[in-house]
């Protein structure tokens, strides 16, 4: 299906043109708020933190993309797959993790949409009904979900600090590896069992949601530019 403005831009294209504030969310996620991760090379961490301090993360869009895709390979295949996965594969895996039902006909934009709505049903208090939301309202909703997931992505202690202690307690007793999806959230304590169950998904779920936010901001800007170009021709 053709669209008047592109909605499946590449990850590097999106990140190289995103706002510094939105990219800082991804940088904090990748580097565990500057502390570093076992799966993150120390030299890469240094580069990311350096560009972040200068407000110029756009210049290393390729590095951010590579790290996101590398974490995706850990969640999809194994810890030994170092070349990363295609972003569409990563998004599809996240959708499934969130109990969504992707189809072969879904493009990246549609897959992200499923991820957003599934995440909202799990992480927003009461399982928020967002079927009527779109545009800026949907983008704002992502902005409510992602910070909690990012803050909780580092350690079990971090999850408990955000209010997920009950979820952590429920994983004790050898059941951690078998957990697939978290219960409905209570306020900002949305990051509970899912984050405890799978280290890779602690990264890929909020990463996909943040990229979805960036994509929708870009798509809206592209559409406004398209409309202006049409008006200029009248």
C-alpha atoms as a PDB file:
ATOM      1  CA  UNK A   1       0.000   0.000   0.000  1.00  0.00           C
ATOM      2  CA  UNK A   2       1.357   3.417  -0.972  1.00  0.00           C
ATOM      3  CA  UNK A   3       1.188   6.382   1.378  1.00  0.00           C
ATOM      4  CA  UNK A   4       1.542  10.065   0.564  1.00  0.00           C
ATOM      5  CA  UNK A   5       4.355  10.330   3.143  1.00  0.00           C
ATOM      6  CA  UNK A   6       6.737   7.523   4.147  1.00  0.00           C
ATOM      7  CA  UNK A   7       5.839   5.761   7.374  1.00  0.00           C
ATOM      8  CA  UNK A   8       8.440   3.006   7.395  1.00  0.00           C
ATOM      9  CA  UNK A   9      11.610   5.082   7.449  1.00  0.00           C
ATOM     10  CA  UNK A  10      14.793   3.263   8.393  1.00  0.00           C
ATOM     11  CA  UNK A  11      15.927   3.363  11.982  1.00  0.00           C
ATOM     12  CA  UNK A  12      19.075   5.350  11.162  1.00  0.00           C
ATOM     13  CA  UNK A  13      17.026   7.909   9.216  1.00  0.00           C
ATOM     14  CA  UNK A  14      14.634   8.368  12.132  1.00  0.00           C
ATOM     15  CA  UNK A  15      17.361   8.645  14.754  1.00  0.00           C
ATOM     16  CA  UNK A  16      19.530  11.037  12.757  1.00  0.00           C
ATOM     17  CA  UNK A  17      16.634  13.511  12.646  1.00  0.00           C
ATOM     18  CA  UNK A  18      15.047  12.960  16.061  1.00  0.00           C
ATOM     19  CA  UNK A  19      15.085  15.473  18.904  1.00  0.00           C
ATOM     20  CA  UNK A  20      17.901  15.321  21.429  1.00  0.00           C
ATOM     21  CA  UNK A  21      15.383  14.712  24.226  1.00  0.00           C
ATOM     22  CA  UNK A  22      13.963  11.636  22.511  1.00  0.00           C
ATOM     23  CA  UNK A  23      17.424  10.278  21.693  1.00  0.00           C
ATOM     24  CA  UNK A  24      18.577  10.768  25.283  1.00  0.00           C
ATOM     25  CA  UNK A  25      15.885   8.320  26.357  1.00  0.00           C
ATOM     26  CA  UNK A  26      17.428   5.691  24.076  1.00  0.00           C
ATOM     27  CA  UNK A  27      20.953   6.562  25.223  1.00  0.00           C
ATOM     28  CA  UNK A  28      19.939   6.151  28.872  1.00  0.00           C
ATOM     29  CA  UNK A  29      18.316   2.833  28.032  1.00  0.00           C
ATOM     30  CA  UNK A  30      21.295   1.476  26.101  1.00  0.00           C
ATOM     31  CA  UNK A  31      23.889   2.594  28.673  1.00  0.00           C
ATOM     32  CA  UNK A  32      21.750   1.891  31.773  1.00  0.00           C
ATOM     33  CA  UNK A  33      21.776   5.585  32.613  1.00  0.00           C
ATOM     34  CA  UNK A  34      25.530   5.790  32.097  1.00  0.00           C
ATOM     35  CA  UNK A  35      26.431   2.853  34.329  1.00  0.00           C
ATOM     36  CA  UNK A  36      27.044   0.506  31.404  1.00  0.00           C
ATOM     37  CA  UNK A  37      25.893  -3.022  30.674  1.00  0.00           C
ATOM     38  CA  UNK A  38      27.698  -6.333  30.295  1.00  0.00           C
ATOM     39  CA  UNK A  39      26.479  -6.526  26.701  1.00  0.00           C
ATOM     40  CA  UNK A  40      27.700  -2.999  25.906  1.00  0.00           C
ATOM     41  CA  UNK A  41      31.318  -2.409  24.881  1.00  0.00           C
ATOM     42  CA  UNK A  42      32.918   0.204  27.146  1.00  0.00           C
ATOM     43  CA  UNK A  43      34.259   2.169  24.186  1.00  0.00           C
ATOM     44  CA  UNK A  44      30.759   2.370  22.690  1.00  0.00           C
ATOM     45  CA  UNK A  45      29.394   3.517  26.037  1.00  0.00           C
ATOM     46  CA  UNK A  46      32.013   6.272  26.124  1.00  0.00           C
ATOM     47  CA  UNK A  47      31.087   7.444  22.628  1.00  0.00           C
ATOM     48  CA  UNK A  48      27.365   7.516  23.447  1.00  0.00           C
ATOM     49  CA  UNK A  49      27.860   9.388  26.723  1.00  0.00           C
ATOM     50  CA  UNK A  50      30.216  11.867  25.073  1.00  0.00           C
ATOM     51  CA  UNK A  51      27.763  12.723  22.302  1.00  0.00           C
ATOM     52  CA  UNK A  52      24.919  12.808  24.804  1.00  0.00           C
ATOM     53  CA  UNK A  53      26.762  15.377  26.926  1.00  0.00           C
ATOM     54  CA  UNK A  54      27.215  17.511  23.807  1.00  0.00           C
ATOM     55  CA  UNK A  55      23.569  17.162  22.764  1.00  0.00           C
ATOM     56  CA  UNK A  56      24.647  15.578  19.497  1.00  0.00           C
ATOM     57  CA  UNK A  57      23.378  12.004  19.587  1.00  0.00           C
ATOM     58  CA  UNK A  58      22.003  12.497  16.069  1.00  0.00           C
ATOM     59  CA  UNK A  59      25.571  12.194  14.778  1.00  0.00           C
ATOM     60  CA  UNK A  60      25.824   8.580  15.984  1.00  0.00           C
ATOM     61  CA  UNK A  61      22.441   7.357  14.799  1.00  0.00           C
ATOM     62  CA  UNK A  62      24.165   4.330  13.279  1.00  0.00           C
ATOM     63  CA  UNK A  63      25.694   3.411  16.658  1.00  0.00           C
ATOM     64  CA  UNK A  64      22.360   3.689  18.465  1.00  0.00           C
ATOM     65  CA  UNK A  65      20.690   1.604  15.763  1.00  0.00           C
ATOM     66  CA  UNK A  66      23.362  -1.093  15.972  1.00  0.00           C
ATOM     67  CA  UNK A  67      23.042  -1.368  19.752  1.00  0.00           C
ATOM     68  CA  UNK A  68      19.243  -1.584  19.657  1.00  0.00           C
ATOM     69  CA  UNK A  69      19.409  -4.308  17.015  1.00  0.00           C
ATOM     70  CA  UNK A  70      22.111  -6.143  18.991  1.00  0.00           C
ATOM     71  CA  UNK A  71      19.871  -6.306  22.060  1.00  0.00           C
ATOM     72  CA  UNK A  72      17.138  -7.572  19.741  1.00  0.00           C
ATOM     73  CA  UNK A  73      19.349 -10.460  18.666  1.00  0.00           C
ATOM     74  CA  UNK A  74      19.715 -11.469  22.313  1.00  0.00           C
ATOM     75  CA  UNK A  75      15.957 -11.611  22.796  1.00  0.00           C
ATOM     76  CA  UNK A  76      15.218 -13.426  19.545  1.00  0.00           C
ATOM     77  CA  UNK A  77      18.000 -15.919  18.954  1.00  0.00           C
ATOM     78  CA  UNK A  78      20.910 -16.206  21.359  1.00  0.00           C
ATOM     79  CA  UNK A  79      23.654 -14.327  23.155  1.00  0.00           C
ATOM     80  CA  UNK A  80      26.060 -15.435  20.431  1.00  0.00           C
ATOM     81  CA  UNK A  81      24.387 -13.596  17.562  1.00  0.00           C
ATOM     82  CA  UNK A  82      26.445 -10.422  17.401  1.00  0.00           C
ATOM     83  CA  UNK A  83      25.354  -8.881  14.102  1.00  0.00           C
ATOM     84  CA  UNK A  84      21.933  -7.840  15.363  1.00  0.00           C
ATOM     85  CA  UNK A  85      18.595  -8.398  13.693  1.00  0.00           C
ATOM     86  CA  UNK A  86      16.511  -6.428  11.247  1.00  0.00           C
ATOM     87  CA  UNK A  87      14.349  -3.895  13.055  1.00  0.00           C
ATOM     88  CA  UNK A  88      11.139  -5.401  11.679  1.00  0.00           C
ATOM     89  CA  UNK A  89      12.132  -8.733  13.244  1.00  0.00           C
ATOM     90  CA  UNK A  90      12.839  -7.044  16.559  1.00  0.00           C
ATOM     91  CA  UNK A  91       9.463  -5.235  16.542  1.00  0.00           C
ATOM     92  CA  UNK A  92       7.618  -8.430  15.675  1.00  0.00           C
ATOM     93  CA  UNK A  93       9.267 -10.201  18.596  1.00  0.00           C
ATOM     94  CA  UNK A  94       8.311  -7.391  20.995  1.00  0.00           C
ATOM     95  CA  UNK A  95       4.716  -7.486  19.749  1.00  0.00           C
ATOM     96  CA  UNK A  96       4.565 -11.193  20.521  1.00  0.00           C
ATOM     97  CA  UNK A  97       6.151 -10.613  23.921  1.00  0.00           C
ATOM     98  CA  UNK A  98       3.353  -8.158  24.679  1.00  0.00           C
ATOM     99  CA  UNK A  99       0.768 -10.767  23.636  1.00  0.00           C
ATOM    100  CA  UNK A 100      -0.002  -9.033  20.349  1.00  0.00           C
ATOM    101  CA  UNK A 101      -0.884 -10.890  17.180  1.00  0.00           C
ATOM    102  CA  UNK A 102       1.190  -9.670  14.218  1.00  0.00           C
ATOM    103  CA  UNK A 103       0.385 -10.758  10.699  1.00  0.00           C
ATOM    104  CA  UNK A 104       2.489 -11.110   7.575  1.00  0.00           C
ATOM    105  CA  UNK A 105       0.648  -8.106   6.126  1.00  0.00           C
ATOM    106  CA  UNK A 106       1.705  -5.719   8.907  1.00  0.00           C
ATOM    107  CA  UNK A 107       4.368  -3.170   8.032  1.00  0.00           C
ATOM    108  CA  UNK A 108       6.690  -1.675  10.647  1.00  0.00           C
ATOM    109  CA  UNK A 109       4.309   1.173  11.436  1.00  0.00           C
ATOM    110  CA  UNK A 110       1.427  -1.244  12.005  1.00  0.00           C
ATOM    111  CA  UNK A 111       3.563  -3.526  14.163  1.00  0.00           C
ATOM    112  CA  UNK A 112       4.588  -0.588  16.335  1.00  0.00           C
ATOM    113  CA  UNK A 113       0.944   0.376  16.641  1.00  0.00           C
ATOM    114  CA  UNK A 114       0.134  -3.067  18.024  1.00  0.00           C
ATOM    115  CA  UNK A 115       3.057  -2.788  20.454  1.00  0.00           C
ATOM    116  CA  UNK A 116       1.868   0.605  21.687  1.00  0.00           C
ATOM    117  CA  UNK A 117      -1.676  -0.561  22.310  1.00  0.00           C
ATOM    118  CA  UNK A 118      -0.593  -3.800  23.954  1.00  0.00           C
ATOM    119  CA  UNK A 119       1.829  -1.935  26.199  1.00  0.00           C
ATOM    120  CA  UNK A 120      -0.869   0.561  27.177  1.00  0.00           C
ATOM    121  CA  UNK A 121      -3.219  -2.237  28.166  1.00  0.00           C
ATOM    122  CA  UNK A 122      -0.522  -3.705  30.416  1.00  0.00           C
ATOM    123  CA  UNK A 123       1.272  -0.686  31.836  1.00  0.00           C
ATOM    124  CA  UNK A 124      -1.372   2.012  32.213  1.00  0.00           C
ATOM    125  CA  UNK A 125      -3.483   1.779  35.348  1.00  0.00           C
ATOM    126  CA  UNK A 126      -6.593  -0.302  34.801  1.00  0.00           C
ATOM    127  CA  UNK A 127      -5.528  -1.386  31.322  1.00  0.00           C
ATOM    128  CA  UNK A 128      -6.278   1.879  29.557  1.00  0.00           C
ATOM    129  CA  UNK A 129      -8.634   1.819  26.613  1.00  0.00           C
ATOM    130  CA  UNK A 130      -6.869   3.722  23.848  1.00  0.00           C
ATOM    131  CA  UNK A 131      -8.657   2.581  20.718  1.00  0.00           C
ATOM    132  CA  UNK A 132      -9.836   6.122  19.992  1.00  0.00           C
ATOM    133  CA  UNK A 133      -6.405   7.710  20.465  1.00  0.00           C
ATOM    134  CA  UNK A 134      -4.209   8.728  17.573  1.00  0.00           C
ATOM    135  CA  UNK A 135      -1.648  11.346  16.598  1.00  0.00           C
ATOM    136  CA  UNK A 136      -0.372  13.548  19.400  1.00  0.00           C
ATOM    137  CA  UNK A 137      -2.512  11.793  22.018  1.00  0.00           C
ATOM    138  CA  UNK A 138      -1.000   8.411  21.203  1.00  0.00           C
ATOM    139  CA  UNK A 139       2.505   9.879  21.189  1.00  0.00           C
ATOM    140  CA  UNK A 140       1.872  11.420  24.604  1.00  0.00           C
ATOM    141  CA  UNK A 141       0.728   8.048  25.896  1.00  0.00           C
ATOM    142  CA  UNK A 142       4.011   6.450  24.849  1.00  0.00           C
ATOM    143  CA  UNK A 143       5.742   9.247  26.716  1.00  0.00           C
ATOM    144  CA  UNK A 144       3.985   8.125  29.892  1.00  0.00           C
ATOM    145  CA  UNK A 145       4.955   4.480  29.538  1.00  0.00           C
ATOM    146  CA  UNK A 146       8.579   4.568  28.376  1.00  0.00           C
ATOM    147  CA  UNK A 147      10.238   6.504  31.255  1.00  0.00           C
ATOM    148  CA  UNK A 148       9.060   3.940  33.806  1.00  0.00           C
ATOM    149  CA  UNK A 149      10.325   1.061  31.670  1.00  0.00           C
ATOM    150  CA  UNK A 150      13.673   2.787  31.097  1.00  0.00           C
ATOM    151  CA  UNK A 151      14.100   3.526  34.810  1.00  0.00           C
ATOM    152  CA  UNK A 152      13.371  -0.122  35.570  1.00  0.00           C
ATOM    153  CA  UNK A 153      15.497  -1.686  32.855  1.00  0.00           C
ATOM    154  CA  UNK A 154      18.703  -1.969  34.859  1.00  0.00           C
ATOM    155  CA  UNK A 155      18.269  -4.185  37.864  1.00  0.00           C
ATOM    156  CA  UNK A 156      15.763  -5.972  40.042  1.00  0.00           C
ATOM    157  CA  UNK A 157      16.382  -3.291  42.672  1.00  0.00           C
ATOM    158  CA  UNK A 158      15.474  -0.645  40.119  1.00  0.00           C
ATOM    159  CA  UNK A 159      12.184  -2.371  39.416  1.00  0.00           C
ATOM    160  CA  UNK A 160      11.320  -2.558  43.074  1.00  0.00           C
ATOM    161  CA  UNK A 161      12.096   1.137  43.428  1.00  0.00           C
ATOM    162  CA  UNK A 162       9.447   1.964  40.846  1.00  0.00           C
ATOM    163  CA  UNK A 163       6.787   0.077  42.757  1.00  0.00           C
ATOM    164  CA  UNK A 164       7.198  -3.363  41.252  1.00  0.00           C
ATOM    165  CA  UNK A 165       8.158  -5.225  44.419  1.00  0.00           C
ATOM    166  CA  UNK A 166       5.019  -7.354  44.351  1.00  0.00           C
ATOM    167  CA  UNK A 167       5.801  -8.407  40.817  1.00  0.00           C
ATOM    168  CA  UNK A 168       9.361  -9.280  41.765  1.00  0.00           C
ATOM    169  CA  UNK A 169       8.211 -11.336  44.744  1.00  0.00           C
ATOM    170  CA  UNK A 170       5.940 -13.357  42.505  1.00  0.00           C
ATOM    171  CA  UNK A 171       8.931 -14.514  40.455  1.00  0.00           C
ATOM    172  CA  UNK A 172      10.749 -16.126  43.399  1.00  0.00           C
ATOM    173  CA  UNK A 173      10.771 -19.899  43.556  1.00  0.00           C
ATOM    174  CA  UNK A 174      12.271 -20.868  40.223  1.00  0.00           C
ATOM    175  CA  UNK A 175       9.424 -19.471  38.130  1.00  0.00           C
ATOM    176  CA  UNK A 176      11.345 -16.502  36.724  1.00  0.00           C
ATOM    177  CA  UNK A 177      12.290 -18.095  33.404  1.00  0.00           C
ATOM    178  CA  UNK A 178       8.747 -19.244  32.677  1.00  0.00           C
ATOM    179  CA  UNK A 179       7.138 -15.808  32.982  1.00  0.00           C
ATOM    180  CA  UNK A 180       6.008 -14.301  29.713  1.00  0.00           C
ATOM    181  CA  UNK A 181       3.873 -11.213  30.340  1.00  0.00           C
ATOM    182  CA  UNK A 182       3.320  -8.870  33.275  1.00  0.00           C
ATOM    183  CA  UNK A 183       0.015  -8.259  35.047  1.00  0.00           C
ATOM    184  CA  UNK A 184      -1.893  -5.021  34.547  1.00  0.00           C
ATOM    185  CA  UNK A 185      -0.026  -2.061  35.927  1.00  0.00           C
ATOM    186  CA  UNK A 186      -0.904  -0.053  39.005  1.00  0.00           C
ATOM    187  CA  UNK A 187      -0.125   3.583  38.272  1.00  0.00           C
ATOM    188  CA  UNK A 188       3.549   4.054  37.390  1.00  0.00           C
ATOM    189  CA  UNK A 189       4.488   0.563  38.583  1.00  0.00           C
ATOM    190  CA  UNK A 190       4.022  -0.809  35.106  1.00  0.00           C
ATOM    191  CA  UNK A 191       7.501  -2.282  34.821  1.00  0.00           C
ATOM    192  CA  UNK A 192       7.242  -5.445  36.882  1.00  0.00           C
ATOM    193  CA  UNK A 193       7.373  -9.086  35.831  1.00  0.00           C
ATOM    194  CA  UNK A 194       8.279  -8.502  32.190  1.00  0.00           C
ATOM    195  CA  UNK A 195      11.407  -6.587  33.139  1.00  0.00           C
ATOM    196  CA  UNK A 196      12.406  -9.178  35.714  1.00  0.00           C
ATOM    197  CA  UNK A 197      11.891 -12.115  33.399  1.00  0.00           C
ATOM    198  CA  UNK A 198      14.135 -11.319  30.459  1.00  0.00           C
ATOM    199  CA  UNK A 199      17.154  -8.978  30.393  1.00  0.00           C
ATOM    200  CA  UNK A 200      17.010  -8.473  26.619  1.00  0.00           C
ATOM    201  CA  UNK A 201      13.332  -7.553  26.685  1.00  0.00           C
ATOM    202  CA  UNK A 202      14.057  -4.997  29.388  1.00  0.00           C
ATOM    203  CA  UNK A 203      15.794  -3.147  26.564  1.00  0.00           C
ATOM    204  CA  UNK A 204      13.840  -4.025  23.439  1.00  0.00           C
ATOM    205  CA  UNK A 205      10.331  -3.304  24.723  1.00  0.00           C
ATOM    206  CA  UNK A 206      10.968   0.322  25.756  1.00  0.00           C
ATOM    207  CA  UNK A 207      13.304   0.795  22.769  1.00  0.00           C
ATOM    208  CA  UNK A 208      10.580  -0.174  20.311  1.00  0.00           C
ATOM    209  CA  UNK A 209       8.047   2.055  22.064  1.00  0.00           C
ATOM    210  CA  UNK A 210      10.459   5.008  22.019  1.00  0.00           C
ATOM    211  CA  UNK A 211      11.264   4.456  18.339  1.00  0.00           C
ATOM    212  CA  UNK A 212       7.520   4.289  17.673  1.00  0.00           C
ATOM    213  CA  UNK A 213       7.141   7.672  19.339  1.00  0.00           C
ATOM    214  CA  UNK A 214       9.968   9.127  17.247  1.00  0.00           C
ATOM    215  CA  UNK A 215       8.467   7.648  14.078  1.00  0.00           C
ATOM    216  CA  UNK A 216       5.059   9.185  14.748  1.00  0.00           C
ATOM    217  CA  UNK A 217       6.531  12.599  15.442  1.00  0.00           C
ATOM    218  CA  UNK A 218       8.454  12.378  12.164  1.00  0.00           C
ATOM    219  CA  UNK A 219       5.433  11.098  10.249  1.00  0.00           C
ATOM    220  CA  UNK A 220       3.297  13.962  11.523  1.00  0.00           C
ATOM    221  CA  UNK A 221       5.981  16.472  10.515  1.00  0.00           C
ATOM    222  CA  UNK A 222       6.291  14.881   7.067  1.00  0.00           C
ATOM    223  CA  UNK A 223       2.524  14.983   6.614  1.00  0.00           C
ATOM    224  CA  UNK A 224       2.360  18.671   7.563  1.00  0.00           C
ATOM    225  CA  UNK A 225       5.132  19.415   5.067  1.00  0.00           C
ATOM    226  CA  UNK A 226       3.217  17.500   2.410  1.00  0.00           C
ATOM    227  CA  UNK A 227       0.061  19.491   3.128  1.00  0.00           C
ATOM    228  CA  UNK A 228       1.991  22.747   2.888  1.00  0.00           C
ATOM    229  CA  UNK A 229       3.444  21.732  -0.447  1.00  0.00           C
ATOM    230  CA  UNK A 230      -0.041  20.980  -1.754  1.00  0.00           C
ATOM    231  CA  UNK A 231      -1.358  24.351  -0.565  1.00  0.00           C
ATOM    232  CA  UNK A 232       1.562  26.070  -2.256  1.00  0.00           C
ATOM    233  CA  UNK A 233       0.474  24.574  -5.580  1.00  0.00           C
ATOM    234  CA  UNK A 234      -3.116  25.833  -5.314  1.00  0.00           C
END
